[in-house]
Every structure is written in structure tokens, then in C-alpha cells.
């Protein structure tokens, strides 16, 4: 079994990439690379290193949303996605951890 990583990308939707919102761009990029899947989460409330609060409320619904894109990838898939995002100058914070997977049926 190959080594797998859970890779999480944390980003906001304030920038556009190839005329697409950040969340659309990362999902479409992953699909174009034929990656095995992506889970995209939109935050309800968050803050970053600058301690500025971001909350999904009436006044911010049209504003800057925070997202997390989660992947489980092998090393080659991870490098392929990293390269594509670097090429597009996609800016985000990334965490990665070695994981084991299993299926219950």
C-alpha cells in the first residue's frame, strides 16, 4: 500500500484565479488532474493569525468566505496538485498528515 496524506488547503474567496472563485478553481483543478476526490467545506465562523473574525452572517454572505478543501492523496497526486496550484500562484495555508484509510461495509 502506498503512503497516503490528508492534505487540507485553507483559503478565502477574496481572490480570483483564471476568472473563477478560489473554491471553484481548486475543485476544477483537482478534477482536471483526475484526483480521487475532494471535500470542500465553507466555514461558519473563523479567525486567522491577524485575529480578525470572519462570520457567516447577513452582512458577510456576499463577502469574503473562508474554505477548507480536503484531499486524501498519494505522494505523486499531492505533488501534481501542488505544482498546478503554484503555477496559478494560488495562495493558501496547507496542512498535511500521513493517514491510513479503511472502508466499513
PDB file of N, CA and C in Angstrom:
ATOM      1  N   UNK A   1       0.837  -1.184   0.000  1.00  0.00           N
ATOM      2  CA  UNK A   1       0.000   0.000   0.000  1.00  0.00           C
ATOM      3  C   UNK A   1       0.881   1.246   0.000  1.00  0.00           C
ATOM      4  N   UNK A   2       0.533   2.218  -0.811  1.00  0.00           N
ATOM      5  CA  UNK A   2       1.336   3.435  -0.887  1.00  0.00           C
ATOM      6  C   UNK A   2       1.010   4.364   0.280  1.00  0.00           C
ATOM      7  N   UNK A   3       1.952   5.242   0.600  1.00  0.00           N
ATOM      8  CA  UNK A   3       1.733   6.217   1.664  1.00  0.00           C
ATOM      9  C   UNK A   3       0.681   7.220   1.219  1.00  0.00           C
ATOM     10  N   UNK A   4      -0.263   7.499   2.099  1.00  0.00           N
ATOM     11  CA  UNK A   4      -1.325   8.459   1.811  1.00  0.00           C
ATOM     12  C   UNK A   4      -1.236   9.638   2.766  1.00  0.00           C
ATOM     13  N   UNK A   5      -1.674  10.784   2.276  1.00  0.00           N
ATOM     14  CA  UNK A   5      -1.674  12.008   3.058  1.00  0.00           C
ATOM     15  C   UNK A   5      -3.054  12.636   3.024  1.00  0.00           C
ATOM     16  N   UNK A   6      -3.493  13.144   4.178  1.00  0.00           N
ATOM     17  CA  UNK A   6      -4.653  14.025   4.187  1.00  0.00           C
ATOM     18  C   UNK A   6      -4.080  15.428   4.036  1.00  0.00           C
ATOM     19  N   UNK A   7      -4.455  16.089   2.964  1.00  0.00           N
ATOM     20  CA  UNK A   7      -3.954  17.419   2.665  1.00  0.00           C
ATOM     21  C   UNK A   7      -5.130  18.386   2.737  1.00  0.00           C
ATOM     22  N   UNK A   8      -4.994  19.406   3.576  1.00  0.00           N
ATOM     23  CA  UNK A   8      -6.053  20.404   3.744  1.00  0.00           C
ATOM     24  C   UNK A   8      -5.532  21.768   3.306  1.00  0.00           C
ATOM     25  N   UNK A   9      -6.282  22.418   2.448  1.00  0.00           N
ATOM     26  CA  UNK A   9      -5.968  23.756   1.971  1.00  0.00           C
ATOM     27  C   UNK A   9      -6.955  24.721   2.621  1.00  0.00           C
ATOM     28  N   UNK A  10      -6.445  25.757   3.264  1.00  0.00           N
ATOM     29  CA  UNK A  10      -7.275  26.759   3.931  1.00  0.00           C
ATOM     30  C   UNK A  10      -7.130  28.058   3.146  1.00  0.00           C
ATOM     31  N   UNK A  11      -8.250  28.609   2.675  1.00  0.00           N
ATOM     32  CA  UNK A  11      -8.165  29.798   1.827  1.00  0.00           C
ATOM     33  C   UNK A  11      -9.460  30.588   1.876  1.00  0.00           C
ATOM     34  N   UNK A  12      -9.390  31.815   1.393  1.00  0.00           N
ATOM     35  CA  UNK A  12     -10.584  32.656   1.315  1.00  0.00           C
ATOM     36  C   UNK A  12     -10.978  32.811  -0.148  1.00  0.00           C
ATOM     37  N   UNK A  13     -12.153  33.334  -0.341  1.00  0.00           N
ATOM     38  CA  UNK A  13     -12.661  33.514  -1.700  1.00  0.00           C
ATOM     39  C   UNK A  13     -12.440  34.931  -2.216  1.00  0.00           C
ATOM     40  N   UNK A  14     -11.530  35.675  -1.581  1.00  0.00           N
ATOM     41  CA  UNK A  14     -11.350  37.061  -1.986  1.00  0.00           C
ATOM     42  C   UNK A  14     -10.590  37.207  -3.301  1.00  0.00           C
ATOM     43  N   UNK A  15      -9.781  36.228  -3.683  1.00  0.00           N
ATOM     44  CA  UNK A  15      -9.027  36.294  -4.939  1.00  0.00           C
ATOM     45  C   UNK A  15      -9.698  35.460  -6.011  1.00  0.00           C
ATOM     46  N   UNK A  16      -9.428  35.827  -7.251  1.00  0.00           N
ATOM     47  CA  UNK A  16      -9.914  35.062  -8.400  1.00  0.00           C
ATOM     48  C   UNK A  16      -8.707  34.413  -9.072  1.00  0.00           C
ATOM     49  N   UNK A  17      -8.918  33.235  -9.593  1.00  0.00           N
ATOM     50  CA  UNK A  17      -7.892  32.504 -10.329  1.00  0.00           C
ATOM     51  C   UNK A  17      -8.516  32.072 -11.642  1.00  0.00           C
ATOM     52  N   UNK A  18      -7.897  32.514 -12.737  1.00  0.00           N
ATOM     53  CA  UNK A  18      -8.438  32.221 -14.067  1.00  0.00           C
ATOM     54  C   UNK A  18      -9.925  32.599 -14.131  1.00  0.00           C
ATOM     55  N   UNK A  19     -10.241  33.767 -13.552  1.00  0.00           N
ATOM     56  CA  UNK A  19     -11.598  34.343 -13.539  1.00  0.00           C
ATOM     57  C   UNK A  19     -12.614  33.500 -12.775  1.00  0.00           C
ATOM     58  N   UNK A  20     -12.140  32.653 -11.874  1.00  0.00           N
ATOM     59  CA  UNK A  20     -13.024  31.803 -11.071  1.00  0.00           C
ATOM     60  C   UNK A  20     -12.790  32.101  -9.597  1.00  0.00           C
ATOM     61  N   UNK A  21     -13.841  31.898  -8.794  1.00  0.00           N
ATOM     62  CA  UNK A  21     -13.681  31.997  -7.346  1.00  0.00           C
ATOM     63  C   UNK A  21     -12.691  30.924  -6.894  1.00  0.00           C
ATOM     64  N   UNK A  22     -11.985  31.187  -5.815  1.00  0.00           N
ATOM     65  CA  UNK A  22     -10.966  30.258  -5.304  1.00  0.00           C
ATOM     66  C   UNK A  22     -11.500  28.844  -5.134  1.00  0.00           C
ATOM     67  N   UNK A  23     -12.690  28.724  -4.534  1.00  0.00           N
ATOM     68  CA  UNK A  23     -13.225  27.382  -4.271  1.00  0.00           C
ATOM     69  C   UNK A  23     -13.550  26.640  -5.565  1.00  0.00           C
ATOM     70  N   UNK A  24     -14.030  27.348  -6.579  1.00  0.00           N
ATOM     71  CA  UNK A  24     -14.295  26.710  -7.874  1.00  0.00           C
ATOM     72  C   UNK A  24     -12.987  26.288  -8.531  1.00  0.00           C
ATOM     73  N   UNK A  25     -11.988  27.162  -8.441  1.00  0.00           N
ATOM     74  CA  UNK A  25     -10.708  26.893  -9.080  1.00  0.00           C
ATOM     75  C   UNK A  25     -10.041  25.647  -8.507  1.00  0.00           C
ATOM     76  N   UNK A  26     -10.002  25.511  -7.185  1.00  0.00           N
ATOM     77  CA  UNK A  26      -9.304  24.366  -6.590  1.00  0.00           C
ATOM     78  C   UNK A  26     -10.023  23.057  -6.911  1.00  0.00           C
ATOM     79  N   UNK A  27     -11.353  23.052  -6.898  1.00  0.00           N
ATOM     80  CA  UNK A  27     -12.108  21.835  -7.215  1.00  0.00           C
ATOM     81  C   UNK A  27     -11.933  21.471  -8.688  1.00  0.00           C
ATOM     82  N   UNK A  28     -12.036  22.448  -9.580  1.00  0.00           N
ATOM     83  CA  UNK A  28     -11.876  22.169 -11.010  1.00  0.00           C
ATOM     84  C   UNK A  28     -10.453  21.729 -11.340  1.00  0.00           C
ATOM     85  N   UNK A  29      -9.475  22.309 -10.663  1.00  0.00           N
ATOM     86  CA  UNK A  29      -8.083  21.899 -10.870  1.00  0.00           C
ATOM     87  C   UNK A  29      -7.897  20.445 -10.445  1.00  0.00           C
ATOM     88  N   UNK A  30      -8.442  20.079  -9.300  1.00  0.00           N
ATOM     89  CA  UNK A  30      -8.345  18.695  -8.814  1.00  0.00           C
ATOM     90  C   UNK A  30      -9.007  17.727  -9.794  1.00  0.00           C
ATOM     91  N   UNK A  31     -10.170  18.093 -10.300  1.00  0.00           N
ATOM     92  CA  UNK A  31     -10.868  17.226 -11.269  1.00  0.00           C
ATOM     93  C   UNK A  31     -10.058  17.089 -12.550  1.00  0.00           C
ATOM     94  N   UNK A  32      -9.448  18.184 -13.009  1.00  0.00           N
ATOM     95  CA  UNK A  32      -8.663  18.130 -14.247  1.00  0.00           C
ATOM     96  C   UNK A  32      -7.439  17.236 -14.096  1.00  0.00           C
ATOM     97  N   UNK A  33      -6.943  17.077 -12.867  1.00  0.00           N
ATOM     98  CA  UNK A  33      -5.802  16.198 -12.594  1.00  0.00           C
ATOM     99  C   UNK A  33      -6.247  14.766 -12.325  1.00  0.00           C
ATOM    100  N   UNK A  34      -7.542  14.519 -12.402  1.00  0.00           N
ATOM    101  CA  UNK A  34      -8.120  13.194 -12.174  1.00  0.00           C
ATOM    102  C   UNK A  34      -7.800  12.670 -10.768  1.00  0.00           C
ATOM    103  N   UNK A  35      -7.848  13.576  -9.791  1.00  0.00           N
ATOM    104  CA  UNK A  35      -7.612  13.167  -8.407  1.00  0.00           C
ATOM    105  C   UNK A  35      -8.825  12.402  -7.895  1.00  0.00           C
ATOM    106  N   UNK A  36      -8.637  11.557  -6.868  1.00  0.00           N
ATOM    107  CA  UNK A  36      -9.716  10.663  -6.434  1.00  0.00           C
ATOM    108  C   UNK A  36     -10.887  11.347  -5.736  1.00  0.00           C
ATOM    109  N   UNK A  37     -10.753  12.596  -5.336  1.00  0.00           N
ATOM    110  CA  UNK A  37     -11.874  13.277  -4.702  1.00  0.00           C
ATOM    111  C   UNK A  37     -11.432  14.472  -3.890  1.00  0.00           C
ATOM    112  N   UNK A  38     -12.402  15.297  -3.547  1.00  0.00           N
ATOM    113  CA  UNK A  38     -12.161  16.494  -2.755  1.00  0.00           C
ATOM    114  C   UNK A  38     -13.419  16.778  -1.949  1.00  0.00           C
ATOM    115  N   UNK A  39     -13.250  17.151  -0.701  1.00  0.00           N
ATOM    116  CA  UNK A  39     -14.356  17.634   0.110  1.00  0.00           C
ATOM    117  C   UNK A  39     -14.099  19.107   0.371  1.00  0.00           C
ATOM    118  N   UNK A  40     -15.075  19.936   0.034  1.00  0.00           N
ATOM    119  CA  UNK A  40     -14.948  21.375   0.203  1.00  0.00           C
ATOM    120  C   UNK A  40     -15.897  21.820   1.310  1.00  0.00           C
ATOM    121  N   UNK A  41     -15.347  22.467   2.325  1.00  0.00           N
ATOM    122  CA  UNK A  41     -16.134  22.950   3.459  1.00  0.00           C
ATOM    123  C   UNK A  41     -16.080  24.470   3.511  1.00  0.00           C
ATOM    124  N   UNK A  42     -17.221  25.089   3.773  1.00  0.00           N
ATOM    125  CA  UNK A  42     -17.285  26.538   3.941  1.00  0.00           C
ATOM    126  C   UNK A  42     -17.452  26.824   5.426  1.00  0.00           C
ATOM    127  N   UNK A  43     -16.626  27.703   5.955  1.00  0.00           N
ATOM    128  CA  UNK A  43     -16.668  27.953   7.392  1.00  0.00           C
ATOM    129  C   UNK A  43     -17.877  28.800   7.783  1.00  0.00           C
ATOM    130  N   UNK A  44     -18.343  28.564   8.985  1.00  0.00           N
ATOM    131  CA  UNK A  44     -19.416  29.367   9.561  1.00  0.00           C
ATOM    132  C   UNK A  44     -18.800  30.549  10.309  1.00  0.00           C
ATOM    133  N   UNK A  45     -17.680  30.271  10.981  1.00  0.00           N
ATOM    134  CA  UNK A  45     -17.000  31.313  11.729  1.00  0.00           C
ATOM    135  C   UNK A  45     -15.534  30.930  11.859  1.00  0.00           C
ATOM    136  N   UNK A  46     -14.642  31.919  11.747  1.00  0.00           N
ATOM    137  CA  UNK A  46     -13.213  31.624  11.845  1.00  0.00           C
ATOM    138  C   UNK A  46     -12.439  32.899  12.160  1.00  0.00           C
ATOM    139  N   UNK A  47     -11.175  32.715  12.550  1.00  0.00           N
ATOM    140  CA  UNK A  47     -10.244  33.832  12.637  1.00  0.00           C
ATOM    141  C   UNK A  47      -8.864  33.307  12.311  1.00  0.00           C
ATOM    142  N   UNK A  48      -8.014  34.193  11.830  1.00  0.00           N
ATOM    143  CA  UNK A  48      -6.664  33.813  11.448  1.00  0.00           C
ATOM    144  C   UNK A  48      -5.634  34.456  12.344  1.00  0.00           C
ATOM    145  N   UNK A  49      -4.382  34.459  11.880  1.00  0.00           N
ATOM    146  CA  UNK A  49      -3.291  34.974  12.709  1.00  0.00           C
ATOM    147  C   UNK A  49      -3.447  36.461  13.029  1.00  0.00           C
ATOM    148  N   UNK A  50      -4.205  37.196  12.188  1.00  0.00           N
ATOM    149  CA  UNK A  50      -4.443  38.611  12.473  1.00  0.00           C
ATOM    150  C   UNK A  50      -5.593  38.818  13.462  1.00  0.00           C
ATOM    151  N   UNK A  51      -6.220  37.723  13.900  1.00  0.00           N
ATOM    152  CA  UNK A  51      -7.309  37.703  14.893  1.00  0.00           C
ATOM    153  C   UNK A  51      -8.601  38.345  14.390  1.00  0.00           C
ATOM    154  N   UNK A  52      -8.683  38.665  13.109  1.00  0.00           N
ATOM    155  CA  UNK A  52      -9.912  39.228  12.542  1.00  0.00           C
ATOM    156  C   UNK A  52     -10.949  38.112  12.413  1.00  0.00           C
ATOM    157  N   UNK A  53     -12.146  38.368  12.942  1.00  0.00           N
ATOM    158  CA  UNK A  53     -13.222  37.379  12.879  1.00  0.00           C
ATOM    159  C   UNK A  53     -13.892  37.406  11.508  1.00  0.00           C
ATOM    160  N   UNK A  54     -14.203  36.225  11.011  1.00  0.00           N
ATOM    161  CA  UNK A  54     -14.987  36.049   9.791  1.00  0.00           C
ATOM    162  C   UNK A  54     -16.189  35.217  10.204  1.00  0.00           C
ATOM    163  N   UNK A  55     -17.376  35.746   9.977  1.00  0.00           N
ATOM    164  CA  UNK A  55     -18.580  35.016  10.365  1.00  0.00           C
ATOM    165  C   UNK A  55     -19.582  35.036   9.226  1.00  0.00           C
ATOM    166  N   UNK A  56     -20.275  33.917   9.054  1.00  0.00           N
ATOM    167  CA  UNK A  56     -21.316  33.843   8.043  1.00  0.00           C
ATOM    168  C   UNK A  56     -22.579  34.437   8.656  1.00  0.00           C
ATOM    169  N   UNK A  57     -22.770  35.711   8.376  1.00  0.00           N
ATOM    170  CA  UNK A  57     -23.990  36.362   8.841  1.00  0.00           C
ATOM    171  C   UNK A  57     -24.573  37.171   7.696  1.00  0.00           C
ATOM    172  N   UNK A  58     -25.651  37.828   7.935  1.00  0.00           N
ATOM    173  CA  UNK A  58     -26.363  38.543   6.875  1.00  0.00           C
ATOM    174  C   UNK A  58     -25.458  39.501   6.120  1.00  0.00           C
ATOM    175  N   UNK A  59     -24.613  40.237   6.824  1.00  0.00           N
ATOM    176  CA  UNK A  59     -23.801  41.254   6.176  1.00  0.00           C
ATOM    177  C   UNK A  59     -22.606  40.690   5.418  1.00  0.00           C
ATOM    178  N   UNK A  60     -22.178  39.493   5.745  1.00  0.00           N
ATOM    179  CA  UNK A  60     -20.997  38.932   5.090  1.00  0.00           C
ATOM    180  C   UNK A  60     -21.316  37.855   4.064  1.00  0.00           C
ATOM    181  N   UNK A  61     -22.564  37.552   3.832  1.00  0.00           N
ATOM    182  CA  UNK A  61     -22.884  36.472   2.895  1.00  0.00           C
ATOM    183  C   UNK A  61     -22.320  36.735   1.510  1.00  0.00           C
ATOM    184  N   UNK A  62     -22.275  37.992   1.105  1.00  0.00           N
ATOM    185  CA  UNK A  62     -21.739  38.332  -0.211  1.00  0.00           C
ATOM    186  C   UNK A  62     -20.246  38.640  -0.149  1.00  0.00           C
ATOM    187  N   UNK A  63     -19.657  38.553   1.005  1.00  0.00           N
ATOM    188  CA  UNK A  63     -18.267  38.949   1.180  1.00  0.00           C
ATOM    189  C   UNK A  63     -17.288  37.803   1.154  1.00  0.00           C
ATOM    190  N   UNK A  64     -16.232  37.992   1.906  1.00  0.00           N
ATOM    191  CA  UNK A  64     -15.109  37.071   1.944  1.00  0.00           C
ATOM    192  C   UNK A  64     -15.453  35.816   2.745  1.00  0.00           C
ATOM    193  N   UNK A  65     -15.540  34.679   2.091  1.00  0.00           N
ATOM    194  CA  UNK A  65     -15.829  33.411   2.760  1.00  0.00           C
ATOM    195  C   UNK A  65     -14.546  32.610   2.913  1.00  0.00           C
ATOM    196  N   UNK A  66     -14.442  31.900   4.010  1.00  0.00           N
ATOM    197  CA  UNK A  66     -13.293  31.031   4.269  1.00  0.00           C
ATOM    198  C   UNK A  66     -13.664  29.595   3.907  1.00  0.00           C
ATOM    199  N   UNK A  67     -12.723  28.867   3.290  1.00  0.00           N
ATOM    200  CA  UNK A  67     -12.964  27.499   2.841  1.00  0.00           C
ATOM    201  C   UNK A  67     -11.842  26.575   3.286  1.00  0.00           C
ATOM    202  N   UNK A  68     -12.174  25.285   3.356  1.00  0.00           N
ATOM    203  CA  UNK A  68     -11.187  24.225   3.557  1.00  0.00           C
ATOM    204  C   UNK A  68     -11.456  23.171   2.490  1.00  0.00           C
ATOM    205  N   UNK A  69     -10.440  22.845   1.706  1.00  0.00           N
ATOM    206  CA  UNK A  69     -10.537  21.762   0.720  1.00  0.00           C
ATOM    207  C   UNK A  69      -9.705  20.605   1.255  1.00  0.00           C
ATOM    208  N   UNK A  70     -10.336  19.431   1.372  1.00  0.00           N
ATOM    209  CA  UNK A  70      -9.675  18.265   1.967  1.00  0.00           C
ATOM    210  C   UNK A  70      -9.494  17.176   0.917  1.00  0.00           C
ATOM    211  N   UNK A  71      -8.280  16.656   0.842  1.00  0.00           N
ATOM    212  CA  UNK A  71      -7.940  15.592  -0.100  1.00  0.00           C
ATOM    213  C   UNK A  71      -7.240  14.464   0.642  1.00  0.00           C
ATOM    214  N   UNK A  72      -7.371  13.240   0.163  1.00  0.00           N
ATOM    215  CA  UNK A  72      -6.530  12.120   0.585  1.00  0.00           C
ATOM    216  C   UNK A  72      -5.789  11.693  -0.673  1.00  0.00           C
ATOM    217  N   UNK A  73      -4.458  11.898  -0.667  1.00  0.00           N
ATOM    218  CA  UNK A  73      -3.655  11.741  -1.878  1.00  0.00           C
ATOM    219  C   UNK A  73      -2.380  10.955  -1.601  1.00  0.00           C
ATOM    220  N   UNK A  74      -1.881  10.304  -2.642  1.00  0.00           N
ATOM    221  CA  UNK A  74      -0.549   9.716  -2.536  1.00  0.00           C
ATOM    222  C   UNK A  74       0.471  10.802  -2.887  1.00  0.00           C
ATOM    223  N   UNK A  75       1.740  10.497  -2.759  1.00  0.00           N
ATOM    224  CA  UNK A  75       2.797  11.492  -2.974  1.00  0.00           C
ATOM    225  C   UNK A  75       2.745  12.095  -4.378  1.00  0.00           C
ATOM    226  N   UNK A  76       2.579  11.276  -5.399  1.00  0.00           N
ATOM    227  CA  UNK A  76       2.551  11.771  -6.783  1.00  0.00           C
ATOM    228  C   UNK A  76       1.357  12.699  -7.010  1.00  0.00           C
ATOM    229  N   UNK A  77       0.196  12.321  -6.498  1.00  0.00           N
ATOM    230  CA  UNK A  77      -1.004  13.160  -6.646  1.00  0.00           C
ATOM    231  C   UNK A  77      -0.830  14.486  -5.905  1.00  0.00           C
ATOM    232  N   UNK A  78      -0.250  14.411  -4.716  1.00  0.00           N
ATOM    233  CA  UNK A  78      -0.012  15.614  -3.913  1.00  0.00           C
ATOM    234  C   UNK A  78       0.911  16.576  -4.649  1.00  0.00           C
ATOM    235  N   UNK A  79       2.002  16.052  -5.182  1.00  0.00           N
ATOM    236  CA  UNK A  79       2.949  16.896  -5.910  1.00  0.00           C
ATOM    237  C   UNK A  79       2.328  17.485  -7.174  1.00  0.00           C
ATOM    238  N   UNK A  80       1.509  16.702  -7.841  1.00  0.00           N
ATOM    239  CA  UNK A  80       0.826  17.174  -9.044  1.00  0.00           C
ATOM    240  C   UNK A  80      -0.093  18.351  -8.719  1.00  0.00           C
ATOM    241  N   UNK A  81      -0.857  18.232  -7.643  1.00  0.00           N
ATOM    242  CA  UNK A  81      -1.758  19.313  -7.240  1.00  0.00           C
ATOM    243  C   UNK A  81      -0.962  20.530  -6.777  1.00  0.00           C
ATOM    244  N   UNK A  82       0.066  20.332  -5.965  1.00  0.00           N
ATOM    245  CA  UNK A  82       0.908  21.443  -5.513  1.00  0.00           C
ATOM    246  C   UNK A  82       1.474  22.206  -6.708  1.00  0.00           C
ATOM    247  N   UNK A  83       1.994  21.480  -7.690  1.00  0.00           N
ATOM    248  CA  UNK A  83       2.599  22.114  -8.866  1.00  0.00           C
ATOM    249  C   UNK A  83       1.597  22.966  -9.620  1.00  0.00           C
ATOM    250  N   UNK A  84       0.407  22.420  -9.822  1.00  0.00           N
ATOM    251  CA  UNK A  84      -0.635  23.140 -10.556  1.00  0.00           C
ATOM    252  C   UNK A  84      -1.054  24.407  -9.808  1.00  0.00           C
ATOM    253  N   UNK A  85      -1.197  24.311  -8.489  1.00  0.00           N
ATOM    254  CA  UNK A  85      -1.599  25.475  -7.702  1.00  0.00           C
ATOM    255  C   UNK A  85      -0.488  26.525  -7.645  1.00  0.00           C
ATOM    256  N   UNK A  86       0.768  26.089  -7.543  1.00  0.00           N
ATOM    257  CA  UNK A  86       1.893  27.031  -7.566  1.00  0.00           C
ATOM    258  C   UNK A  86       1.967  27.747  -8.904  1.00  0.00           C
ATOM    259  N   UNK A  87       1.750  27.007  -9.974  1.00  0.00           N
ATOM    260  CA  UNK A  87       1.760  27.569 -11.329  1.00  0.00           C
ATOM    261  C   UNK A  87       0.719  28.687 -11.459  1.00  0.00           C
ATOM    262  N   UNK A  88      -0.427  28.517 -10.822  1.00  0.00           N
ATOM    263  CA  UNK A  88      -1.502  29.511 -10.875  1.00  0.00           C
ATOM    264  C   UNK A  88      -1.330  30.597  -9.808  1.00  0.00           C
ATOM    265  N   UNK A  89      -0.266  30.509  -9.013  1.00  0.00           N
ATOM    266  CA  UNK A  89       0.008  31.418  -7.903  1.00  0.00           C
ATOM    267  C   UNK A  89      -1.148  31.433  -6.897  1.00  0.00           C
ATOM    268  N   UNK A  90      -1.698  30.240  -6.665  1.00  0.00           N
ATOM    269  CA  UNK A  90      -2.771  30.065  -5.687  1.00  0.00           C
ATOM    270  C   UNK A  90      -2.177  30.241  -4.301  1.00  0.00           C
ATOM    271  N   UNK A  91      -2.763  31.102  -3.504  1.00  0.00           N
ATOM    272  CA  UNK A  91      -2.227  31.431  -2.191  1.00  0.00           C
ATOM    273  C   UNK A  91      -3.102  30.830  -1.093  1.00  0.00           C
ATOM    274  N   UNK A  92      -2.492  30.019  -0.217  1.00  0.00           N
ATOM    275  CA  UNK A  92      -3.265  29.410   0.865  1.00  0.00           C
ATOM    276  C   UNK A  92      -2.336  28.825   1.918  1.00  0.00           C
ATOM    277  N   UNK A  93      -2.930  28.443   3.034  1.00  0.00           N
ATOM    278  CA  UNK A  93      -2.241  27.738   4.109  1.00  0.00           C
ATOM    279  C   UNK A  93      -2.553  26.255   3.927  1.00  0.00           C
ATOM    280  N   UNK A  94      -1.556  25.383   4.132  1.00  0.00           N
ATOM    281  CA  UNK A  94      -1.734  23.949   3.889  1.00  0.00           C
ATOM    282  C   UNK A  94      -1.310  23.164   5.128  1.00  0.00           C
ATOM    283  N   UNK A  95      -2.094  22.136   5.452  1.00  0.00           N
ATOM    284  CA  UNK A  95      -1.649  21.146   6.435  1.00  0.00           C
ATOM    285  C   UNK A  95      -1.666  19.790   5.756  1.00  0.00           C
ATOM    286  N   UNK A  96      -0.766  18.915   6.179  1.00  0.00           N
ATOM    287  CA  UNK A  96      -0.773  17.548   5.651  1.00  0.00           C
ATOM    288  C   UNK A  96      -0.390  16.598   6.769  1.00  0.00           C
ATOM    289  N   UNK A  97      -0.981  15.427   6.710  1.00  0.00           N
ATOM    290  CA  UNK A  97      -0.703  14.406   7.717  1.00  0.00           C
ATOM    291  C   UNK A  97      -0.762  13.044   7.054  1.00  0.00           C
ATOM    292  N   UNK A  98       0.108  12.145   7.472  1.00  0.00           N
ATOM    293  CA  UNK A  98       0.043  10.765   6.983  1.00  0.00           C
ATOM    294  C   UNK A  98      -1.218  10.118   7.532  1.00  0.00           C
ATOM    295  N   UNK A  99      -1.908   9.370   6.684  1.00  0.00           N
ATOM    296  CA  UNK A  99      -3.150   8.713   7.107  1.00  0.00           C
ATOM    297  C   UNK A  99      -3.206   7.289   6.583  1.00  0.00           C
ATOM    298  N   UNK A 100      -4.004   6.491   7.253  1.00  0.00           N
ATOM    299  CA  UNK A 100      -4.370   5.166   6.770  1.00  0.00           C
ATOM    300  C   UNK A 100      -5.855   5.225   6.464  1.00  0.00           C
ATOM    301  N   UNK A 101      -6.278   4.508   5.448  1.00  0.00           N
ATOM    302  CA  UNK A 101      -7.699   4.505   5.108  1.00  0.00           C
ATOM    303  C   UNK A 101      -8.263   3.101   5.234  1.00  0.00           C
ATOM    304  N   UNK A 102      -9.561   3.035   5.398  1.00  0.00           N
ATOM    305  CA  UNK A 102     -10.267   1.770   5.511  1.00  0.00           C
ATOM    306  C   UNK A 102     -11.699   1.999   5.067  1.00  0.00           C
ATOM    307  N   UNK A 103     -12.414   0.937   4.802  1.00  0.00           N
ATOM    308  CA  UNK A 103     -13.817   1.020   4.407  1.00  0.00           C
ATOM    309  C   UNK A 103     -14.613   0.069   5.286  1.00  0.00           C
ATOM    310  N   UNK A 104     -15.733   0.541   5.784  1.00  0.00           N
ATOM    311  CA  UNK A 104     -16.651  -0.312   6.539  1.00  0.00           C
ATOM    312  C   UNK A 104     -17.845  -0.584   5.648  1.00  0.00           C
ATOM    313  N   UNK A 105     -18.175  -1.854   5.485  1.00  0.00           N
ATOM    314  CA  UNK A 105     -19.355  -2.176   4.668  1.00  0.00           C
ATOM    315  C   UNK A 105     -20.132  -3.315   5.288  1.00  0.00           C
TER     316      UNK A 105
END
